Every structure is written in C-alpha cells, then in structure tokens.
Amino acid sequence: MQAAELFEQKIKPPEVARRLRVSAKSAYQWHQVWRDGGVQALASRGPSRSRCRLSPWSLEKFAAHLEEGPAGHGWVEDHVWTASRVATRISRKFHVTYSVSGATRLG
C-alpha cells in the first residue's frame, strides 16, 4: 500500500522503486496495476498456491486408500507413508503427477 500512496503523490515509478528498495520493473508493474484498478488492485491476495489436481471425491477416495497402509500397496520393508510413496500412489491410481513436495501439501 506504500506504493499506492506514493503514486497518489505523483511520485514516478523509478523513485518509488528506490524508496521501497524494489526493482524498477516491479514499480512500473505496480504503477500500471494501480492506474488500472486503484489501491484495491494492489492489495495482496495472499500467497499463491496451485490448484489441487484431485477432485474432492478423489481426495476422499485416496484418504481411504492410504489407510490400507504402505504394505497393502507393495512397500513391505517398513510401514511408513513417505511423500515419495504418496506421489507414486497418486500417479498410479489417478494418473495425476505430483512432485514429492507437492504431495506433502495435499490436505
């Protein structure tokens, strides 16, 4: 919101960049967004997240699938679901690819 206040004072993007310690490119982008939509357009929308590629039904079905344990799906050396194993099961069961880190964020 500091950028919007500076733009309202007719301060140019290069000076806004200097004052806020950001790149000039960012300040020019903010300026364009501010001109098109005002202060509200610059408001944070929070951290971006990828949309879940599994439907709510698939997530529910998969949760039940996980309750069978890793041994029920071929991992008999130990009884621990790892992120790698979860990603592998999603791929095999639903034909949807998740990275290991992506699998840790399912919920």
PDB file of N, CA and C in Angstrom:
ATOM      1  N   MET A   1       0.810  -1.190   0.000  1.00  0.00           N
ATOM      2  CA  MET A   1       0.000   0.000   0.000  1.00  0.00           C
ATOM      3  C   MET A   1       0.861   1.265   0.000  1.00  0.00           C
ATOM      4  N   GLN A   2       2.119   1.133   0.388  1.00  0.00           N
ATOM      5  CA  GLN A   2       3.006   2.293   0.359  1.00  0.00           C
ATOM      6  C   GLN A   2       3.174   2.780  -1.077  1.00  0.00           C
ATOM      7  N   ALA A   3       3.252   1.843  -2.007  1.00  0.00           N
ATOM      8  CA  ALA A   3       3.426   2.225  -3.408  1.00  0.00           C
ATOM      9  C   ALA A   3       2.235   3.058  -3.875  1.00  0.00           C
ATOM     10  N   ALA A   4       1.022   2.650  -3.519  1.00  0.00           N
ATOM     11  CA  ALA A   4      -0.172   3.389  -3.930  1.00  0.00           C
ATOM     12  C   ALA A   4      -0.142   4.809  -3.377  1.00  0.00           C
ATOM     13  N   GLU A   5       0.270   4.953  -2.120  1.00  0.00           N
ATOM     14  CA  GLU A   5       0.350   6.282  -1.518  1.00  0.00           C
ATOM     15  C   GLU A   5       1.351   7.159  -2.276  1.00  0.00           C
ATOM     16  N   LEU A   6       2.464   6.570  -2.659  1.00  0.00           N
ATOM     17  CA  LEU A   6       3.469   7.332  -3.406  1.00  0.00           C
ATOM     18  C   LEU A   6       2.967   7.696  -4.797  1.00  0.00           C
ATOM     19  N   PHE A   7       2.290   6.765  -5.465  1.00  0.00           N
ATOM     20  CA  PHE A   7       1.737   7.065  -6.790  1.00  0.00           C
ATOM     21  C   PHE A   7       0.691   8.177  -6.709  1.00  0.00           C
ATOM     22  N   GLU A   8      -0.110   8.164  -5.633  1.00  0.00           N
ATOM     23  CA  GLU A   8      -1.111   9.219  -5.453  1.00  0.00           C
ATOM     24  C   GLU A   8      -0.457  10.584  -5.267  1.00  0.00           C
ATOM     25  N   GLN A   9       0.775  10.587  -4.769  1.00  0.00           N
ATOM     26  CA  GLN A   9       1.522  11.834  -4.601  1.00  0.00           C
ATOM     27  C   GLN A   9       2.265  12.213  -5.882  1.00  0.00           C
ATOM     28  N   LYS A  10       1.972  11.499  -6.966  1.00  0.00           N
ATOM     29  CA  LYS A  10       2.567  11.752  -8.286  1.00  0.00           C
ATOM     30  C   LYS A  10       4.065  11.452  -8.339  1.00  0.00           C
ATOM     31  N   ILE A  11       4.505  10.544  -7.485  1.00  0.00           N
ATOM     32  CA  ILE A  11       5.910  10.128  -7.498  1.00  0.00           C
ATOM     33  C   ILE A  11       6.069   9.063  -8.578  1.00  0.00           C
ATOM     34  N   LYS A  12       7.075   9.206  -9.396  1.00  0.00           N
ATOM     35  CA  LYS A  12       7.310   8.337 -10.548  1.00  0.00           C
ATOM     36  C   LYS A  12       7.814   6.953 -10.103  1.00  0.00           C
ATOM     37  N   PRO A  13       7.534   5.923 -10.922  1.00  0.00           N
ATOM     38  CA  PRO A  13       7.958   4.557 -10.570  1.00  0.00           C
ATOM     39  C   PRO A  13       9.447   4.396 -10.230  1.00  0.00           C
ATOM     40  N   PRO A  14      10.393   5.039 -10.937  1.00  0.00           N
ATOM     41  CA  PRO A  14      11.791   4.846 -10.538  1.00  0.00           C
ATOM     42  C   PRO A  14      12.078   5.315  -9.104  1.00  0.00           C
ATOM     43  N   GLU A  15      11.440   6.401  -8.707  1.00  0.00           N
ATOM     44  CA  GLU A  15      11.630   6.902  -7.345  1.00  0.00           C
ATOM     45  C   GLU A  15      10.936   5.990  -6.336  1.00  0.00           C
ATOM     46  N   VAL A  16       9.767   5.474  -6.696  1.00  0.00           N
ATOM     47  CA  VAL A  16       9.077   4.518  -5.829  1.00  0.00           C
ATOM     48  C   VAL A  16       9.962   3.290  -5.628  1.00  0.00           C
ATOM     49  N   ALA A  17      10.563   2.822  -6.707  1.00  0.00           N
ATOM     50  CA  ALA A  17      11.454   1.660  -6.631  1.00  0.00           C
ATOM     51  C   ALA A  17      12.615   1.934  -5.679  1.00  0.00           C
ATOM     52  N   ARG A  18      13.199   3.103  -5.800  1.00  0.00           N
ATOM     53  CA  ARG A  18      14.322   3.452  -4.937  1.00  0.00           C
ATOM     54  C   ARG A  18      13.886   3.511  -3.475  1.00  0.00           C
ATOM     55  N   ARG A  19      12.767   4.168  -3.203  1.00  0.00           N
ATOM     56  CA  ARG A  19      12.308   4.325  -1.820  1.00  0.00           C
ATOM     57  C   ARG A  19      11.902   3.002  -1.179  1.00  0.00           C
ATOM     58  N   LEU A  20      11.299   2.128  -1.974  1.00  0.00           N
ATOM     59  CA  LEU A  20      10.812   0.862  -1.421  1.00  0.00           C
ATOM     60  C   LEU A  20      11.798  -0.295  -1.605  1.00  0.00           C
ATOM     61  N   ARG A  21      12.946   0.046  -2.213  1.00  0.00           N
ATOM     62  CA  ARG A  21      14.006  -0.939  -2.425  1.00  0.00           C
ATOM     63  C   ARG A  21      13.533  -2.160  -3.203  1.00  0.00           C
ATOM     64  N   VAL A  22      12.903  -1.873  -4.329  1.00  0.00           N
ATOM     65  CA  VAL A  22      12.466  -2.924  -5.251  1.00  0.00           C
ATOM     66  C   VAL A  22      13.017  -2.584  -6.630  1.00  0.00           C
ATOM     67  N   SER A  23      12.840  -3.492  -7.563  1.00  0.00           N
ATOM     68  CA  SER A  23      13.311  -3.223  -8.918  1.00  0.00           C
ATOM     69  C   SER A  23      12.408  -2.193  -9.589  1.00  0.00           C
ATOM     70  N   ALA A  24      12.970  -1.480 -10.544  1.00  0.00           N
ATOM     71  CA  ALA A  24      12.175  -0.523 -11.312  1.00  0.00           C
ATOM     72  C   ALA A  24      11.067  -1.248 -12.067  1.00  0.00           C
ATOM     73  N   LYS A  25      11.370  -2.442 -12.551  1.00  0.00           N
ATOM     74  CA  LYS A  25      10.366  -3.234 -13.266  1.00  0.00           C
ATOM     75  C   LYS A  25       9.139  -3.478 -12.384  1.00  0.00           C
ATOM     76  N   SER A  26       9.376  -3.860 -11.120  1.00  0.00           N
ATOM     77  CA  SER A  26       8.253  -4.083 -10.197  1.00  0.00           C
ATOM     78  C   SER A  26       7.459  -2.804  -9.991  1.00  0.00           C
ATOM     79  N   ALA A  27       8.164  -1.697  -9.806  1.00  0.00           N
ATOM     80  CA  ALA A  27       7.470  -0.422  -9.583  1.00  0.00           C
ATOM     81  C   ALA A  27       6.635  -0.031 -10.794  1.00  0.00           C
ATOM     82  N   TYR A  28       7.148  -0.240 -11.997  1.00  0.00           N
ATOM     83  CA  TYR A  28       6.369   0.057 -13.201  1.00  0.00           C
ATOM     84  C   TYR A  28       5.144  -0.855 -13.305  1.00  0.00           C
ATOM     85  N   GLN A  29       5.314  -2.133 -12.945  1.00  0.00           N
ATOM     86  CA  GLN A  29       4.161  -3.041 -12.963  1.00  0.00           C
ATOM     87  C   GLN A  29       3.114  -2.610 -11.944  1.00  0.00           C
ATOM     88  N   TRP A  30       3.552  -2.260 -10.749  1.00  0.00           N
ATOM     89  CA  TRP A  30       2.622  -1.791  -9.726  1.00  0.00           C
ATOM     90  C   TRP A  30       1.899  -0.532 -10.193  1.00  0.00           C
ATOM     91  N   HIS A  31       2.650   0.363 -10.828  1.00  0.00           N
ATOM     92  CA  HIS A  31       2.058   1.611 -11.303  1.00  0.00           C
ATOM     93  C   HIS A  31       0.951   1.328 -12.308  1.00  0.00           C
ATOM     94  N   GLN A  32       1.196   0.405 -13.221  1.00  0.00           N
ATOM     95  CA  GLN A  32       0.183   0.040 -14.221  1.00  0.00           C
ATOM     96  C   GLN A  32      -1.051  -0.550 -13.540  1.00  0.00           C
ATOM     97  N   VAL A  33      -0.837  -1.454 -12.599  1.00  0.00           N
ATOM     98  CA  VAL A  33      -1.952  -2.062 -11.873  1.00  0.00           C
ATOM     99  C   VAL A  33      -2.722  -0.995 -11.104  1.00  0.00           C
ATOM    100  N   TRP A  34      -1.999  -0.090 -10.467  1.00  0.00           N
ATOM    101  CA  TRP A  34      -2.635   0.995  -9.706  1.00  0.00           C
ATOM    102  C   TRP A  34      -3.454   1.897 -10.628  1.00  0.00           C
ATOM    103  N   ARG A  35      -2.896   2.262 -11.788  1.00  0.00           N
ATOM    104  CA  ARG A  35      -3.630   3.105 -12.740  1.00  0.00           C
ATOM    105  C   ARG A  35      -4.898   2.422 -13.229  1.00  0.00           C
ATOM    106  N   ASP A  36      -4.822   1.113 -13.459  1.00  0.00           N
ATOM    107  CA  ASP A  36      -5.981   0.381 -13.986  1.00  0.00           C
ATOM    108  C   ASP A  36      -7.041   0.084 -12.932  1.00  0.00           C
ATOM    109  N   GLY A  37      -6.610  -0.162 -11.677  1.00  0.00           N
ATOM    110  CA  GLY A  37      -7.580  -0.602 -10.681  1.00  0.00           C
ATOM    111  C   GLY A  37      -7.529   0.082  -9.345  1.00  0.00           C
ATOM    112  N   GLY A  38      -6.663   1.054  -9.190  1.00  0.00           N
ATOM    113  CA  GLY A  38      -6.589   1.785  -7.930  1.00  0.00           C
ATOM    114  C   GLY A  38      -5.912   1.005  -6.823  1.00  0.00           C
ATOM    115  N   VAL A  39      -6.090   1.510  -5.610  1.00  0.00           N
ATOM    116  CA  VAL A  39      -5.439   0.948  -4.437  1.00  0.00           C
ATOM    117  C   VAL A  39      -5.833  -0.513  -4.237  1.00  0.00           C
ATOM    118  N   GLN A  40      -7.102  -0.834  -4.429  1.00  0.00           N
ATOM    119  CA  GLN A  40      -7.577  -2.205  -4.206  1.00  0.00           C
ATOM    120  C   GLN A  40      -6.879  -3.204  -5.118  1.00  0.00           C
ATOM    121  N   ALA A  41      -6.531  -2.781  -6.314  1.00  0.00           N
ATOM    122  CA  ALA A  41      -5.861  -3.682  -7.261  1.00  0.00           C
ATOM    123  C   ALA A  41      -4.475  -4.075  -6.766  1.00  0.00           C
ATOM    124  N   LEU A  42      -3.867  -3.238  -5.930  1.00  0.00           N
ATOM    125  CA  LEU A  42      -2.544  -3.530  -5.391  1.00  0.00           C
ATOM    126  C   LEU A  42      -2.591  -4.349  -4.098  1.00  0.00           C
ATOM    127  N   ALA A  43      -3.782  -4.556  -3.554  1.00  0.00           N
ATOM    128  CA  ALA A  43      -3.898  -5.294  -2.295  1.00  0.00           C
ATOM    129  C   ALA A  43      -3.424  -6.731  -2.486  1.00  0.00           C
ATOM    130  N   SER A  44      -2.733  -7.244  -1.491  1.00  0.00           N
ATOM    131  CA  SER A  44      -2.237  -8.615  -1.543  1.00  0.00           C
ATOM    132  C   SER A  44      -3.393  -9.593  -1.547  1.00  0.00           C
ATOM    133  N   ARG A  45      -3.249 -10.610  -2.342  1.00  0.00           N
ATOM    134  CA  ARG A  45      -4.241 -11.681  -2.374  1.00  0.00           C
ATOM    135  C   ARG A  45      -3.737 -12.895  -1.613  1.00  0.00           C
ATOM    136  N   GLY A  46      -2.675 -12.711  -0.850  1.00  0.00           N
ATOM    137  CA  GLY A  46      -2.094 -13.803  -0.088  1.00  0.00           C
ATOM    138  C   GLY A  46      -1.159 -14.628  -0.954  1.00  0.00           C
ATOM    139  N   PRO A  47      -0.560 -15.635  -0.361  1.00  0.00           N
ATOM    140  CA  PRO A  47       0.375 -16.454  -1.128  1.00  0.00           C
ATOM    141  C   PRO A  47      -0.361 -17.247  -2.200  1.00  0.00           C
ATOM    142  N   SER A  48       0.279 -17.371  -3.339  1.00  0.00           N
ATOM    143  CA  SER A  48      -0.347 -18.137  -4.407  1.00  0.00           C
ATOM    144  C   SER A  48      -0.113 -19.612  -4.169  1.00  0.00           C
ATOM    145  N   ARG A  49      -1.069 -20.396  -4.547  1.00  0.00           N
ATOM    146  CA  ARG A  49      -0.969 -21.847  -4.443  1.00  0.00           C
ATOM    147  C   ARG A  49      -1.528 -22.454  -5.701  1.00  0.00           C
ATOM    148  N   SER A  50      -0.976 -23.553  -6.057  1.00  0.00           N
ATOM    149  CA  SER A  50      -1.512 -24.280  -7.191  1.00  0.00           C
ATOM    150  C   SER A  50      -2.832 -24.915  -6.799  1.00  0.00           C
ATOM    151  N   ARG A  51      -3.694 -25.017  -7.770  1.00  0.00           N
ATOM    152  CA  ARG A  51      -4.983 -25.661  -7.550  1.00  0.00           C
ATOM    153  C   ARG A  51      -4.749 -27.164  -7.418  1.00  0.00           C
ATOM    154  N   CYS A  52      -5.466 -27.801  -6.511  1.00  0.00           N
ATOM    155  CA  CYS A  52      -5.353 -29.243  -6.326  1.00  0.00           C
ATOM    156  C   CYS A  52      -5.851 -29.932  -7.588  1.00  0.00           C
ATOM    157  N   ARG A  53      -5.084 -30.874  -8.087  1.00  0.00           N
ATOM    158  CA  ARG A  53      -5.451 -31.566  -9.316  1.00  0.00           C
ATOM    159  C   ARG A  53      -6.355 -32.759  -9.075  1.00  0.00           C
ATOM    160  N   LEU A  54      -6.617 -33.074  -7.813  1.00  0.00           N
ATOM    161  CA  LEU A  54      -7.544 -34.150  -7.490  1.00  0.00           C
ATOM    162  C   LEU A  54      -8.867 -33.548  -7.056  1.00  0.00           C
ATOM    163  N   SER A  55      -9.955 -34.143  -7.511  1.00  0.00           N
ATOM    164  CA  SER A  55     -11.286 -33.675  -7.118  1.00  0.00           C
ATOM    165  C   SER A  55     -11.514 -33.991  -5.647  1.00  0.00           C
ATOM    166  N   PRO A  56     -12.482 -33.336  -5.006  1.00  0.00           N
ATOM    167  CA  PRO A  56     -12.789 -33.673  -3.614  1.00  0.00           C
ATOM    168  C   PRO A  56     -13.116 -35.156  -3.444  1.00  0.00           C
ATOM    169  N   TRP A  57     -13.836 -35.733  -4.411  1.00  0.00           N
ATOM    170  CA  TRP A  57     -14.159 -37.158  -4.365  1.00  0.00           C
ATOM    171  C   TRP A  57     -12.875 -37.989  -4.405  1.00  0.00           C
ATOM    172  N   SER A  58     -11.946 -37.629  -5.303  1.00  0.00           N
ATOM    173  CA  SER A  58     -10.687 -38.365  -5.421  1.00  0.00           C
ATOM    174  C   SER A  58      -9.857 -38.253  -4.148  1.00  0.00           C
ATOM    175  N   LEU A  59      -9.831 -37.079  -3.533  1.00  0.00           N
ATOM    176  CA  LEU A  59      -9.095 -36.906  -2.276  1.00  0.00           C
ATOM    177  C   LEU A  59      -9.672 -37.794  -1.179  1.00  0.00           C
ATOM    178  N   GLU A  60     -10.987 -37.857  -1.115  1.00  0.00           N
ATOM    179  CA  GLU A  60     -11.641 -38.696  -0.112  1.00  0.00           C
ATOM    180  C   GLU A  60     -11.329 -40.169  -0.370  1.00  0.00           C
ATOM    181  N   LYS A  61     -11.424 -40.562  -1.618  1.00  0.00           N
ATOM    182  CA  LYS A  61     -11.129 -41.939  -2.002  1.00  0.00           C
ATOM    183  C   LYS A  61      -9.653 -42.269  -1.696  1.00  0.00           C
ATOM    184  N   PHE A  62      -8.776 -41.317  -1.974  1.00  0.00           N
ATOM    185  CA  PHE A  62      -7.356 -41.544  -1.738  1.00  0.00           C
ATOM    186  C   PHE A  62      -7.043 -41.648  -0.252  1.00  0.00           C
ATOM    187  N   ALA A  63      -7.713 -40.867   0.576  1.00  0.00           N
ATOM    188  CA  ALA A  63      -7.504 -40.943   2.026  1.00  0.00           C
ATOM    189  C   ALA A  63      -7.832 -42.354   2.524  1.00  0.00           C
ATOM    190  N   ALA A  64      -8.930 -42.919   2.029  1.00  0.00           N
ATOM    191  CA  ALA A  64      -9.282 -44.294   2.405  1.00  0.00           C
ATOM    192  C   ALA A  64      -8.230 -45.269   1.882  1.00  0.00           C
ATOM    193  N   HIS A  65      -7.735 -45.003   0.707  1.00  0.00           N
ATOM    194  CA  HIS A  65      -6.695 -45.827   0.078  1.00  0.00           C
ATOM    195  C   HIS A  65      -5.435 -45.823   0.948  1.00  0.00           C
ATOM    196  N   LEU A  66      -5.064 -44.674   1.490  1.00  0.00           N
ATOM    197  CA  LEU A  66      -3.871 -44.568   2.333  1.00  0.00           C
ATOM    198  C   LEU A  66      -4.031 -45.316   3.656  1.00  0.00           C
ATOM    199  N   GLU A  67      -5.252 -45.412   4.136  1.00  0.00           N
ATOM    200  CA  GLU A  67      -5.498 -46.107   5.405  1.00  0.00           C
ATOM    201  C   GLU A  67      -5.155 -47.583   5.325  1.00  0.00           C
ATOM    202  N   GLU A  68      -5.082 -48.119   4.117  1.00  0.00           N
ATOM    203  CA  GLU A  68      -4.694 -49.522   3.940  1.00  0.00           C
ATOM    204  C   GLU A  68      -3.219 -49.734   4.285  1.00  0.00           C
ATOM    205  N   GLY A  69      -2.469 -48.642   4.349  1.00  0.00           N
ATOM    206  CA  GLY A  69      -1.056 -48.712   4.704  1.00  0.00           C
ATOM    207  C   GLY A  69      -0.165 -49.026   3.522  1.00  0.00           C
ATOM    208  N   PRO A  70       1.108 -48.714   3.633  1.00  0.00           N
ATOM    209  CA  PRO A  70       2.050 -48.938   2.535  1.00  0.00           C
ATOM    210  C   PRO A  70       2.221 -50.411   2.174  1.00  0.00           C
ATOM    211  N   ALA A  71       2.154 -51.283   3.184  1.00  0.00           N
ATOM    212  CA  ALA A  71       2.346 -52.707   2.907  1.00  0.00           C
ATOM    213  C   ALA A  71       1.257 -53.235   1.974  1.00  0.00           C
ATOM    214  N   GLY A  72       0.067 -52.692   2.090  1.00  0.00           N
ATOM    215  CA  GLY A  72      -1.032 -53.103   1.218  1.00  0.00           C
ATOM    216  C   GLY A  72      -0.826 -52.697  -0.230  1.00  0.00           C
ATOM    217  N   HIS A  73       0.183 -51.893  -0.476  1.00  0.00           N
ATOM    218  CA  HIS A  73       0.453 -51.409  -1.830  1.00  0.00           C
ATOM    219  C   HIS A  73       1.866 -51.758  -2.295  1.00  0.00           C
ATOM    220  N   GLY A  74       2.479 -52.727  -1.614  1.00  0.00           N
ATOM    221  CA  GLY A  74       3.758 -53.234  -2.091  1.00  0.00           C
ATOM    222  C   GLY A  74       5.000 -52.794  -1.339  1.00  0.00           C
ATOM    223  N   TRP A  75       4.878 -51.878  -0.405  1.00  0.00           N
ATOM    224  CA  TRP A  75       6.052 -51.450   0.372  1.00  0.00           C
ATOM    225  C   TRP A  75       6.043 -52.217   1.696  1.00  0.00           C
ATOM    226  N   VAL A  76       6.691 -53.369   1.696  1.00  0.00           N
ATOM    227  CA  VAL A  76       6.625 -54.243   2.870  1.00  0.00           C
ATOM    228  C   VAL A  76       7.831 -54.091   3.795  1.00  0.00           C
ATOM    229  N   GLU A  77       8.877 -53.380   3.337  1.00  0.00           N
ATOM    230  CA  GLU A  77      10.075 -53.244   4.167  1.00  0.00           C
ATOM    231  C   GLU A  77       9.832 -52.383   5.401  1.00  0.00           C
ATOM    232  N   ASP A  78       8.914 -51.445   5.338  1.00  0.00           N
ATOM    233  CA  ASP A  78       8.525 -50.671   6.519  1.00  0.00           C
ATOM    234  C   ASP A  78       7.075 -50.226   6.331  1.00  0.00           C
ATOM    235  N   HIS A  79       6.511 -49.680   7.344  1.00  0.00           N
ATOM    236  CA  HIS A  79       5.091 -49.309   7.302  1.00  0.00           C
ATOM    237  C   HIS A  79       4.925 -47.805   7.451  1.00  0.00           C
ATOM    238  N   VAL A  80       5.613 -47.072   6.573  1.00  0.00           N
ATOM    239  CA  VAL A  80       5.603 -45.618   6.644  1.00  0.00           C
ATOM    240  C   VAL A  80       5.230 -45.055   5.278  1.00  0.00           C
ATOM    241  N   TRP A  81       4.262 -44.140   5.282  1.00  0.00           N
ATOM    242  CA  TRP A  81       3.953 -43.415   4.053  1.00  0.00           C
ATOM    243  C   TRP A  81       4.928 -42.257   3.935  1.00  0.00           C
ATOM    244  N   THR A  82       5.732 -42.260   2.919  1.00  0.00           N
ATOM    245  CA  THR A  82       6.617 -41.131   2.651  1.00  0.00           C
ATOM    246  C   THR A  82       5.981 -40.282   1.560  1.00  0.00           C
ATOM    247  N   ALA A  83       6.428 -39.056   1.413  1.00  0.00           N
ATOM    248  CA  ALA A  83       5.896 -38.183   0.367  1.00  0.00           C
ATOM    249  C   ALA A  83       6.135 -38.801  -1.011  1.00  0.00           C
ATOM    250  N   SER A  84       7.266 -39.435  -1.179  1.00  0.00           N
ATOM    251  CA  SER A  84       7.577 -40.078  -2.455  1.00  0.00           C
ATOM    252  C   SER A  84       6.589 -41.203  -2.748  1.00  0.00           C
ATOM    253  N   ARG A  85       6.281 -41.987  -1.753  1.00  0.00           N
ATOM    254  CA  ARG A  85       5.317 -43.082  -1.934  1.00  0.00           C
ATOM    255  C   ARG A  85       3.921 -42.544  -2.223  1.00  0.00           C
ATOM    256  N   VAL A  86       3.543 -41.492  -1.522  1.00  0.00           N
ATOM    257  CA  VAL A  86       2.220 -40.889  -1.758  1.00  0.00           C
ATOM    258  C   VAL A  86       2.130 -40.380  -3.196  1.00  0.00           C
ATOM    259  N   ALA A  87       3.163 -39.684  -3.660  1.00  0.00           N
ATOM    260  CA  ALA A  87       3.171 -39.180  -5.043  1.00  0.00           C
ATOM    261  C   ALA A  87       3.079 -40.332  -6.035  1.00  0.00           C
ATOM    262  N   THR A  88       3.776 -41.426  -5.758  1.00  0.00           N
ATOM    263  CA  THR A  88       3.739 -42.596  -6.635  1.00  0.00           C
ATOM    264  C   THR A  88       2.343 -43.200  -6.673  1.00  0.00           C
ATOM    265  N   ARG A  89       1.702 -43.336  -5.511  1.00  0.00           N
ATOM    266  CA  ARG A  89       0.342 -43.915  -5.467  1.00  0.00           C
ATOM    267  C   ARG A  89      -0.662 -43.037  -6.192  1.00  0.00           C
ATOM    268  N   ILE A  90      -0.552 -41.724  -6.032  1.00  0.00           N
ATOM    269  CA  ILE A  90      -1.466 -40.823  -6.744  1.00  0.00           C
ATOM    270  C   ILE A  90      -1.306 -41.015  -8.242  1.00  0.00           C
ATOM    271  N   SER A  91      -0.078 -41.086  -8.689  1.00  0.00           N
ATOM    272  CA  SER A  91       0.193 -41.261 -10.112  1.00  0.00           C
ATOM    273  C   SER A  91      -0.400 -42.563 -10.628  1.00  0.00           C
ATOM    274  N   ARG A  92      -0.198 -43.638  -9.892  1.00  0.00           N
ATOM    275  CA  ARG A  92      -0.688 -44.954 -10.336  1.00  0.00           C
ATOM    276  C   ARG A  92      -2.200 -45.076 -10.257  1.00  0.00           C
ATOM    277  N   LYS A  93      -2.793 -44.509  -9.229  1.00  0.00           N
ATOM    278  CA  LYS A  93      -4.244 -44.672  -9.026  1.00  0.00           C
ATOM    279  C   LYS A  93      -5.069 -43.685  -9.843  1.00  0.00           C
ATOM    280  N   PHE A  94      -4.611 -42.429  -9.919  1.00  0.00           N
ATOM    281  CA  PHE A  94      -5.423 -41.393 -10.555  1.00  0.00           C
ATOM    282  C   PHE A  94      -4.814 -40.848 -11.844  1.00  0.00           C
ATOM    283  N   HIS A  95      -3.623 -41.306 -12.193  1.00  0.00           N
ATOM    284  CA  HIS A  95      -2.931 -40.846 -13.407  1.00  0.00           C
ATOM    285  C   HIS A  95      -2.737 -39.324 -13.390  1.00  0.00           C
ATOM    286  N   VAL A  96      -2.393 -38.819 -12.213  1.00  0.00           N
ATOM    287  CA  VAL A  96      -2.109 -37.404 -11.998  1.00  0.00           C
ATOM    288  C   VAL A  96      -0.718 -37.331 -11.369  1.00  0.00           C
ATOM    289  N   THR A  97       0.135 -36.487 -11.912  1.00  0.00           N
ATOM    290  CA  THR A  97       1.502 -36.400 -11.429  1.00  0.00           C
ATOM    291  C   THR A  97       1.641 -35.299 -10.385  1.00  0.00           C
ATOM    292  N   TYR A  98       2.212 -35.663  -9.247  1.00  0.00           N
ATOM    293  CA  TYR A  98       2.566 -34.716  -8.194  1.00  0.00           C
ATOM    294  C   TYR A  98       4.053 -34.864  -7.910  1.00  0.00           C
ATOM    295  N   SER A  99       4.721 -33.754  -7.643  1.00  0.00           N
ATOM    296  CA  SER A  99       6.105 -33.823  -7.179  1.00  0.00           C
ATOM    297  C   SER A  99       6.075 -34.298  -5.730  1.00  0.00           C
ATOM    298  N   VAL A 100       7.218 -34.681  -5.228  1.00  0.00           N
ATOM    299  CA  VAL A 100       7.303 -35.102  -3.830  1.00  0.00           C
ATOM    300  C   VAL A 100       6.877 -33.958  -2.916  1.00  0.00           C
ATOM    301  N   SER A 101       7.383 -32.747  -3.198  1.00  0.00           N
ATOM    302  CA  SER A 101       6.996 -31.609  -2.348  1.00  0.00           C
ATOM    303  C   SER A 101       5.516 -31.274  -2.514  1.00  0.00           C
ATOM    304  N   GLY A 102       4.977 -31.455  -3.716  1.00  0.00           N
ATOM    305  CA  GLY A 102       3.540 -31.225  -3.932  1.00  0.00           C
ATOM    306  C   GLY A 102       2.683 -32.205  -3.146  1.00  0.00           C
ATOM    307  N   ALA A 103       3.139 -33.443  -3.042  1.00  0.00           N
ATOM    308  CA  ALA A 103       2.404 -34.447  -2.294  1.00  0.00           C
ATOM    309  C   ALA A 103       2.342 -34.102  -0.800  1.00  0.00           C
ATOM    310  N   THR A 104       3.364 -33.407  -0.299  1.00  0.00           N
ATOM    311  CA  THR A 104       3.359 -33.040   1.123  1.00  0.00           C
ATOM    312  C   THR A 104       2.331 -31.952   1.416  1.00  0.00           C
ATOM    313  N   ARG A 105       1.891 -31.238   0.387  1.00  0.00           N
ATOM    314  CA  ARG A 105       0.954 -30.137   0.617  1.00  0.00           C
ATOM    315  C   ARG A 105      -0.505 -30.524   0.402  1.00  0.00           C
ATOM    316  N   LEU A 106      -0.767 -31.766   0.086  1.00  0.00           N
ATOM    317  CA  LEU A 106      -2.149 -32.210  -0.063  1.00  0.00           C
ATOM    318  C   LEU A 106      -2.815 -32.248   1.302  1.00  0.00           C
ATOM    319  N   GLY A 107      -4.033 -31.887   1.342  1.00  0.00           N
ATOM    320  CA  GLY A 107      -4.674 -31.908   2.640  1.00  0.00           C
ATOM    321  C   GLY A 107      -6.103 -31.907   2.494  1.00  0.00           C
TER     322      GLY A 107
END
